[in-house]
Structures are given as structure tokens and as C-alpha cells.
């Protein structure tokens, strides 16, 4: 239904979309996820031409939306958009808001538009609010009205730009319930959302956006359970990452310790877990890798999981394969074993940092 080729959108100080390529099939329900600033909303706005792409092409069926002679008003009759901020007309009643576009753009009679509008209001559970004005409604009710207004045009495609982000948490569920029902109707939908469990429940595809494009595209099971790419894995598992690089034996140990401390404070990591991290870093890097094993280059990657409240570490270092580690009965090894769990060693020949240790920091209850 929609084909996108080499889509780029740049602004004076930023380029959120660098090279987007994808096909959206009839009936796809797609959640668009990713960190802030990665172009999720910009992608939707380019598709419905609220933003003009810098370059690239977009087709809907056999119509090129980016062509200079495209009748975008006609196209938008088949493409509905639900925004974060509702955009209801405050001087008109709920039913008048819903009737406007079908009467003005589709040429329907007022009676026909009224009947359909009331049917849609019953669908979203708000028929009793037909003659209220928007300022008499809660945020969740306004968003449900905005969805009903979009459906009144009977679009083939519905784009939803963070439809629950402006709502009080107590109102999110009622809007999600309407969208969940809508997803079962066979309509093609794209939803920008930060609600991961919601995205997983209603969609057949997930777009994870990063690095100026669709970084990973897959089923909910693949994206959330077995992501193929590193940034996707970190995002869906809510991992906060710190990378430390040691280039020689004369590195500034106190500076590294302070970076670890700042990382722990920033992520509200408990002092007890921070102490284990600092102890692990000192014993592993200072005592074992630099002094005993003679490593000169070391990379340490820490990943704190907001979901699991634990820290995993990957430590890569140069030099030959350690002899007998981690089974040697030495003080540094014993100290490390007291802070580590799930320890694994691997080696990739022909890599400068050929040795790799992967483990978690024990986070025992205080």
C-alpha cells in the first residue's frame, strides 16, 4: 500500500531522517518506537505530507505522494491522522466536530454524517457526549473523539502520533482500548508510541528507529524477545550504557572511578551495587588484566537494566589467552568471584581486543 524509497528530511540544525526505505502492506499494524529525536513523528508527517521531504519518494498504491502534481487533498481523504493534542474545534460540539469533514470534503448530507457520527461515538463509548463541547471533556475523552473524527472519513490508512503521550496516566487505558479494537478491523495503521507493552499487544510489525532510518524492522516477538541489532536490544531492555576505554597502563584510574560513580548516580543505582561495580573494576582491570595478564588495551562496557535493576559487563582486552583463568586460586580471582555471576570467556582471533569476559554484577538484597 505504501512504499518509501530513500526518504530524507533535514532541518537547518538536524537531519532526523537520512535514508528510510520500507514497504507497508495492506492491513499492517505497525508501532514505530525508538529514542526521542530519531524521526518517528517526522516519518508520519512526511507520509501524509504535513512535512515536505528533502529528498526521496513516497507512493500510496500507484500515486506518488512526493510528486509536484500530486493532489494531496484527495490523498488525505484516504489517510487519517490522530495527533497528540486532539485538535478539536472548541466552538463546535462533539458531533459537529465529527460531521465537519464528511460534509465539507466528502459531500455527505448532514443527516448521513450525523448518523455515522453517532455510530462512531457509540463505538468509542461516548455517544452521551455528542452535544458537549470539547472543554467539557477529559483528555482521554477528547482523544477518543479525535479518533472517531478520523474514522468518520473512512480512511484506508490511519496514522497515530503518540496518541496517549499528552494524557494523564489514568486516561491512557481508555484510549488504548479504542485503538486496540481499531487494530482488529483490518485497517492499515502506524502508531508512534513509547508504550512498549501496548505496541507488542496490538501490532504485527515494529519499526525501531535510530541512526536516521528504520534501524530494525520485525515482528513484536523478534524485536522484543530476540532483537538482532545492538541498539534495539539496549532500547527494548531499557539498558543504560557506559563505555570505558583504557589505552595504556598509565591511564587515570581516579577519572575512571568518577565516571562510574556519575553513571551510577545518574541511573539511581544503589550505593551497595555501585560499590560492587567499583570493586569489580579495580580488581579486574588493575590487579588482574593490567598487572597479572599484561594487557595494555582494555574496553569495559557496562549495561544497567532499568527493568531488572542489574548491571552486566563486557570486558575486552588484548594479549594472549589467559592461562587457567578464571580457575586460579588467587586473592583477586576470589574477590571477583564474590561480585560476579554468569561469567563467560570467549576469544576472537585476529581481533586486537581478542579476549572477552561477559558477566553480571551480583545484586544481592541488602
Protein backbone atom coordinates (compact mmCIF):
# COMPACT_ATOMS: atom_id res chain seq x y z
CA UNK A 1 0.00 0.00 0.00
CA UNK A 2 2.79 2.46 0.94
CA UNK A 3 6.30 2.34 -0.48
CA UNK A 4 9.09 4.61 0.72
CA UNK A 5 12.41 4.96 -1.07
CA UNK A 6 15.47 6.85 0.20
CA UNK A 7 13.41 9.29 2.25
CA UNK A 8 15.41 12.14 3.75
CA UNK A 9 14.28 15.07 5.86
CA UNK A 10 16.72 17.65 7.10
CA UNK A 11 16.31 20.87 9.05
CA UNK A 12 18.93 23.63 9.49
CA UNK A 13 20.48 22.02 12.58
CA UNK A 14 19.43 18.37 12.42
CA UNK A 15 18.64 15.56 9.98
CA UNK A 16 16.18 13.17 11.69
CA UNK A 17 15.63 11.06 8.55
CA UNK A 18 18.67 10.21 6.45
CA UNK A 19 17.65 7.21 4.35
CA UNK A 20 14.31 5.50 5.04
CA UNK A 21 13.30 2.55 2.86
CA UNK A 22 10.31 0.31 3.56
CA UNK A 23 7.03 -1.13 2.30
CA UNK A 24 3.82 -1.07 4.34
CA UNK A 25 1.30 -3.72 3.35
CA UNK A 26 -2.48 -3.58 3.44
CA UNK A 27 -3.66 -4.45 6.94
CA UNK A 28 -0.29 -3.90 8.62
CA UNK A 29 -0.49 -2.52 12.14
CA UNK A 30 2.93 -1.03 12.81
CA UNK A 31 4.28 0.51 16.00
CA UNK A 32 7.12 2.97 15.50
CA UNK A 33 9.42 3.02 18.53
CA UNK A 34 12.80 4.44 19.40
CA UNK A 35 14.56 7.14 21.43
CA UNK A 36 13.40 10.75 21.27
CA UNK A 37 14.72 12.66 18.29
CA UNK A 38 15.08 9.70 15.94
CA UNK A 39 12.44 10.90 13.44
CA UNK A 40 9.40 8.83 14.43
CA UNK A 41 6.87 11.67 14.23
CA UNK A 42 8.71 13.18 11.27
CA UNK A 43 8.22 9.94 9.35
CA UNK A 44 4.46 10.05 9.86
CA UNK A 45 4.30 13.73 8.93
CA UNK A 46 6.26 13.06 5.74
CA UNK A 47 3.92 10.22 4.78
CA UNK A 48 0.85 12.47 4.97
CA UNK A 49 2.83 15.41 3.56
CA UNK A 50 2.48 17.70 6.55
CA UNK A 51 6.27 17.83 6.14
CA UNK A 52 7.85 18.00 2.70
CA UNK A 53 10.75 15.54 2.43
CA UNK A 54 14.13 16.95 1.50
CA UNK A 55 14.55 14.08 -0.95
CA UNK A 56 13.23 10.60 -1.64
CA UNK A 57 9.88 9.29 -2.84
CA UNK A 58 6.68 8.00 -1.25
CA UNK A 59 3.90 6.07 -3.01
CA UNK A 60 0.44 5.13 -1.82
CA UNK A 61 -0.73 2.39 -4.17
CA UNK A 62 0.12 3.84 -7.61
CA UNK A 63 0.08 7.51 -6.52
CA UNK A 64 3.38 9.22 -5.82
CA UNK A 65 2.73 11.50 -2.85
CA UNK A 66 6.02 13.35 -3.35
CA UNK A 67 5.31 14.24 -6.98
CA UNK A 68 4.83 18.00 -7.58
CA UNK A 69 1.43 17.47 -9.22
CA UNK A 70 0.04 15.15 -6.52
CA UNK A 71 -3.42 16.16 -5.29
CA UNK A 72 -2.60 15.81 -1.61
CA UNK A 73 -6.08 16.92 -0.50
CA UNK A 74 -7.54 13.96 -2.37
CA UNK A 75 -4.92 11.63 -0.89
CA UNK A 76 -5.65 12.78 2.65
CA UNK A 77 -9.24 11.67 2.28
CA UNK A 78 -7.84 8.12 2.42
CA UNK A 79 -5.30 8.84 5.15
CA UNK A 80 -6.39 9.84 8.65
CA UNK A 81 -4.10 11.39 11.26
CA UNK A 82 -4.54 11.42 15.04
CA UNK A 83 -2.29 13.90 16.83
CA UNK A 84 -1.04 14.20 20.41
CA UNK A 85 -3.00 17.41 21.03
CA UNK A 86 -6.53 16.39 19.85
CA UNK A 87 -7.04 19.49 17.58
CA UNK A 88 -10.79 19.66 18.20
CA UNK A 89 -12.70 22.86 17.38
CA UNK A 90 -13.62 24.35 20.73
CA UNK A 91 -16.62 26.33 19.43
CA UNK A 92 -18.33 23.25 18.00
CA UNK A 93 -19.98 20.34 19.77
CA UNK A 94 -18.54 16.84 19.66
CA UNK A 95 -20.94 15.67 16.94
CA UNK A 96 -20.31 18.83 14.91
CA UNK A 97 -16.55 18.17 15.08
CA UNK A 98 -17.12 14.69 13.68
CA UNK A 99 -19.59 15.78 10.97
CA UNK A 100 -17.50 18.62 9.50
CA UNK A 101 -15.08 16.73 7.25
CA UNK A 102 -17.58 14.23 5.81
CA UNK A 103 -19.96 17.07 4.89
CA UNK A 104 -17.32 19.52 3.60
CA UNK A 105 -14.91 17.09 1.91
CA UNK A 106 -16.97 14.01 1.03
CA UNK A 107 -20.22 15.81 0.19
CA UNK A 108 -22.35 13.75 2.53
CA UNK A 109 -25.69 15.07 3.73
CA UNK A 110 -25.84 16.37 7.30
CA UNK A 111 -28.23 13.58 8.24
CA UNK A 112 -25.92 10.92 6.84
CA UNK A 113 -22.92 12.48 8.58
CA UNK A 114 -24.88 12.74 11.85
CA UNK A 115 -25.98 9.10 11.74
CA UNK A 116 -22.45 7.89 11.03
CA UNK A 117 -21.04 10.22 13.66
CA UNK A 118 -23.37 8.84 16.33
CA UNK A 119 -22.44 5.29 15.33
CA UNK A 120 -18.76 6.12 15.76
CA UNK A 121 -19.40 7.80 19.10
CA UNK A 122 -21.08 4.63 20.29
CA UNK A 123 -18.05 2.68 19.05
CA UNK A 124 -15.70 4.75 21.21
CA UNK A 125 -18.15 4.77 24.13
CA UNK A 126 -19.04 8.47 24.07
CA UNK A 127 -22.47 8.75 22.46
CA UNK A 128 -23.70 10.53 25.61
CA UNK A 129 -21.19 13.34 24.96
CA UNK A 130 -22.43 14.16 21.43
CA UNK A 131 -23.71 17.62 22.35
CA UNK A 132 -20.95 18.58 24.79
CA UNK A 133 -18.16 20.95 23.86
CA UNK A 134 -14.51 19.85 23.96
CA UNK A 135 -13.69 21.88 27.08
CA UNK A 136 -16.27 19.80 28.96
CA UNK A 137 -14.35 16.58 28.27
CA UNK A 138 -11.37 14.88 29.88
CA UNK A 139 -8.17 14.39 27.92
CA UNK A 140 -8.93 10.73 27.30
CA UNK A 141 -12.41 11.58 26.05
CA UNK A 142 -11.02 14.25 23.71
CA UNK A 143 -8.59 11.76 22.20
CA UNK A 144 -11.36 9.20 21.68
CA UNK A 145 -13.38 11.92 19.92
CA UNK A 146 -10.36 12.73 17.75
CA UNK A 147 -10.15 9.06 16.75
CA UNK A 148 -13.88 8.98 15.94
CA UNK A 149 -13.46 12.12 13.83
CA UNK A 150 -10.65 10.44 11.88
CA UNK A 151 -12.76 7.32 11.33
CA UNK A 152 -15.64 9.45 10.00
CA UNK A 153 -13.66 9.90 6.78
CA UNK A 154 -13.40 6.09 6.41
CA UNK A 155 -9.64 6.26 5.69
CA UNK A 156 -7.66 3.32 4.31
CA UNK A 157 -4.65 4.30 6.46
CA UNK A 158 -4.60 5.72 9.97
CA UNK A 159 -1.52 7.43 11.38
CA UNK A 160 -1.38 7.98 15.15
CA UNK A 161 1.35 10.23 16.54
CA UNK A 162 1.87 9.35 20.23
CA UNK A 163 -1.90 9.38 20.87
CA UNK A 164 -1.56 8.87 24.64
CA UNK A 165 1.51 10.99 25.42
CA UNK A 166 -0.46 14.10 26.44
CA UNK A 167 -2.83 12.19 28.72
CA UNK A 168 -2.94 11.71 32.44
CA UNK A 169 -1.82 8.12 33.21
CA UNK A 170 -5.33 7.30 34.44
CA UNK A 171 -6.73 8.08 30.98
CA UNK A 172 -4.25 6.15 28.85
CA UNK A 173 -6.08 2.83 29.15
CA UNK A 174 -9.37 4.07 27.71
CA UNK A 175 -7.67 5.41 24.57
CA UNK A 176 -5.54 2.29 24.17
CA UNK A 177 -8.70 0.16 24.36
CA UNK A 178 -10.21 2.06 21.42
CA UNK A 179 -7.00 1.73 19.38
CA UNK A 180 -6.77 -1.98 20.22
CA UNK A 181 -10.31 -2.51 18.90
CA UNK A 182 -9.47 -0.47 15.81
CA UNK A 183 -6.39 -2.60 15.14
CA UNK A 184 -8.67 -5.63 14.79
CA UNK A 185 -10.73 -4.11 11.97
CA UNK A 186 -8.18 -4.70 9.20
CA UNK A 187 -7.27 -1.03 8.80
CA UNK A 188 -3.67 -0.21 7.95
CA UNK A 189 -2.21 1.66 10.91
CA UNK A 190 1.07 3.26 12.00
CA UNK A 191 1.39 4.25 15.65
CA UNK A 192 4.24 6.21 17.19
CA UNK A 193 4.31 5.15 20.83
CA UNK A 194 6.50 4.85 23.90
CA UNK A 195 4.21 2.21 25.42
CA UNK A 196 6.13 -0.99 24.72
CA UNK A 197 3.61 -3.48 26.13
CA UNK A 198 0.84 -1.78 24.15
CA UNK A 199 2.90 -1.93 20.95
CA UNK A 200 3.59 -5.60 21.46
CA UNK A 201 -0.07 -6.42 22.10
CA UNK A 202 -1.66 -4.82 19.03
CA UNK A 203 0.91 -4.80 16.21
CA UNK A 204 2.12 -7.29 13.64
CA UNK A 205 5.26 -5.23 12.88
CA UNK A 206 7.61 -3.00 14.84
CA UNK A 207 9.84 -0.31 13.37
CA UNK A 208 12.72 0.58 15.69
CA UNK A 209 14.12 3.91 14.51
CA UNK A 210 17.69 5.10 15.04
CA UNK A 211 20.66 6.40 13.04
CA UNK A 212 18.37 8.31 10.67
CA UNK A 213 16.25 5.42 9.48
CA UNK A 214 14.44 2.19 10.29
CA UNK A 215 17.26 0.54 12.22
CA UNK A 216 15.36 -2.73 12.68
CA UNK A 217 12.02 -4.00 11.31
CA UNK A 218 10.47 -7.17 12.65
CA UNK A 219 7.63 -8.88 14.42
CA UNK A 220 6.91 -7.97 18.05
CA UNK A 221 8.35 -11.33 19.12
CA UNK A 222 11.59 -10.71 17.27
CA UNK A 223 12.06 -7.10 18.33
CA UNK A 224 11.17 -7.57 22.00
CA UNK A 225 12.43 -11.12 22.62
CA UNK A 226 15.32 -11.57 20.21
CA UNK A 227 16.46 -8.27 18.65
CA UNK A 228 19.15 -8.73 16.03
CA UNK A 229 20.90 -5.37 16.45
CA UNK A 230 22.64 -3.87 19.44
CA UNK A 231 20.79 -0.54 19.77
CA UNK A 232 17.44 -2.29 19.51
CA UNK A 233 18.46 -4.68 22.28
CA UNK A 234 19.53 -1.83 24.54
CA UNK A 235 16.34 0.13 23.92
CA UNK A 236 13.77 -2.61 24.43
CA UNK A 237 15.55 -3.90 27.52
CA UNK A 238 15.85 -0.36 28.85
CA UNK A 239 19.62 -0.54 29.17
CA UNK A 240 21.76 2.42 30.20
CA UNK A 241 25.26 2.07 28.80
CA UNK A 242 28.67 3.29 29.94
CA UNK A 243 31.75 2.59 27.83
CA UNK A 244 35.26 2.99 29.20
CA UNK A 245 38.42 2.65 27.12
CA UNK A 246 41.89 2.17 28.57
CA UNK A 247 44.67 2.83 26.06
CA UNK A 248 47.73 2.11 28.23
CA UNK A 249 48.82 1.17 31.74
CA UNK A 250 49.19 4.81 32.80
CA UNK A 251 45.51 5.66 32.46
CA UNK A 252 43.81 7.88 35.06
CA UNK A 253 42.22 5.41 37.47
CA UNK A 254 40.57 8.13 39.59
CA UNK A 255 38.92 9.63 36.49
CA UNK A 256 37.51 6.21 35.54
CA UNK A 257 36.21 5.67 39.07
CA UNK A 258 34.48 9.05 38.97
CA UNK A 259 32.86 8.24 35.60
CA UNK A 260 31.48 5.03 37.10
CA UNK A 261 30.20 6.95 40.12
CA UNK A 262 28.47 9.55 37.91
CA UNK A 263 26.90 6.78 35.84
CA UNK A 264 25.53 5.11 38.96
CA UNK A 265 24.14 8.36 40.37
CA UNK A 266 22.56 9.31 37.04
CA UNK A 267 20.72 6.00 36.90
CA UNK A 268 19.84 5.93 40.61
CA UNK A 269 21.84 2.76 41.20
CA UNK A 270 22.08 1.79 44.86
CA UNK A 271 25.29 2.53 46.73
CA UNK A 272 25.69 -1.17 47.52
CA UNK A 273 25.58 -2.12 43.82
CA UNK A 274 27.89 0.78 42.95
CA UNK A 275 30.43 -0.48 45.50
CA UNK A 276 30.39 -3.91 43.82
CA UNK A 277 30.89 -2.31 40.42
CA UNK A 278 33.84 -0.24 41.66
CA UNK A 279 35.39 -3.29 43.36
CA UNK A 280 34.95 -5.41 40.23
CA UNK A 281 36.50 -2.72 38.03
CA UNK A 282 39.50 -2.26 40.32
CA UNK A 283 40.26 -5.96 40.83
CA UNK A 284 39.60 -6.99 37.24
CA UNK A 285 41.32 -4.12 35.43
CA UNK A 286 44.05 -3.08 37.87
CA UNK A 287 45.03 -6.31 39.55
CA UNK A 288 44.27 -8.99 37.01
CA UNK A 289 44.28 -7.65 33.43
CA UNK A 290 46.99 -4.96 33.69
CA UNK A 291 49.31 -6.41 36.31
CA UNK A 292 48.98 -10.19 36.09
CA UNK A 293 47.97 -10.75 32.46
CA UNK A 294 49.90 -7.86 30.92
CA UNK A 295 47.03 -6.37 28.93
CA UNK A 296 47.67 -2.85 27.61
CA UNK A 297 44.35 -2.06 25.94
CA UNK A 298 41.01 -2.69 27.65
CA UNK A 299 37.41 -1.82 26.81
CA UNK A 300 34.74 -2.02 29.52
CA UNK A 301 31.04 -1.78 28.61
CA UNK A 302 28.52 -1.61 31.45
CA UNK A 303 24.79 -2.02 30.88
CA UNK A 304 22.34 -1.19 33.64
CA UNK A 305 18.84 -2.60 33.14
CA UNK A 306 16.09 -0.32 34.45
CA UNK A 307 13.75 -3.26 34.12
CA UNK A 308 15.80 -5.86 36.02
CA UNK A 309 17.81 -3.44 38.20
CA UNK A 310 21.08 -5.23 37.50
CA UNK A 311 24.35 -4.48 35.74
CA UNK A 312 26.03 -6.64 33.13
CA UNK A 313 29.57 -6.04 31.90
CA UNK A 314 31.53 -6.92 28.80
CA UNK A 315 35.30 -6.56 29.13
CA UNK A 316 37.51 -6.90 26.05
CA UNK A 317 41.31 -6.86 26.24
CA UNK A 318 44.37 -7.60 24.15
CA UNK A 319 47.08 -10.17 24.64
CA UNK A 320 47.23 -13.98 24.55
CA UNK A 321 44.56 -16.23 26.02
CA UNK A 322 44.79 -16.16 29.84
CA UNK A 323 46.24 -19.39 31.23
CA UNK A 324 43.83 -21.07 33.62
CA UNK A 325 41.60 -18.04 34.28
CA UNK A 326 39.12 -17.93 35.94
CA UNK A 327 40.09 -21.01 37.96
CA UNK A 328 43.30 -19.76 39.59
CA UNK A 329 43.08 -19.58 43.36
CA UNK A 330 44.37 -16.06 43.87
CA UNK A 331 43.02 -13.23 46.01
CA UNK A 332 41.94 -11.09 43.04
CA UNK A 333 40.12 -14.07 41.50
CA UNK A 334 38.37 -14.84 44.77
CA UNK A 335 37.29 -11.21 45.16
CA UNK A 336 35.99 -11.14 41.61
CA UNK A 337 34.03 -14.34 42.11
CA UNK A 338 32.33 -12.70 45.08
CA UNK A 339 30.97 -9.91 42.85
CA UNK A 340 30.41 -11.76 39.54
CA UNK A 341 27.88 -14.27 38.27
CA UNK A 342 27.20 -15.94 34.92
CA UNK A 343 30.84 -15.48 33.94
CA UNK A 344 31.77 -16.46 30.36
CA UNK A 345 35.06 -16.21 28.48
CA UNK A 346 35.42 -16.15 24.70
CA UNK A 347 38.13 -15.28 22.22
CA UNK A 348 38.03 -13.97 18.65
CA UNK A 349 41.31 -14.47 16.88
CA UNK A 350 42.59 -11.72 14.57
CA UNK A 351 40.90 -9.04 16.71
CA UNK A 352 43.04 -6.51 18.56
CA UNK A 353 40.91 -6.98 21.68
CA UNK A 354 40.66 -10.72 21.15
CA UNK A 355 39.71 -11.74 24.70
CA UNK A 356 36.23 -11.15 26.08
CA UNK A 357 34.72 -11.62 29.53
CA UNK A 358 30.94 -11.35 29.94
CA UNK A 359 29.26 -11.41 33.35
CA UNK A 360 26.72 -9.80 35.65
CA UNK A 361 27.38 -7.98 38.90
CA UNK A 362 25.67 -9.70 41.81
CA UNK A 363 22.91 -7.54 43.23
CA UNK A 364 22.03 -9.30 46.44
CA UNK A 365 19.32 -7.89 48.66
CA UNK A 366 20.71 -5.64 51.36
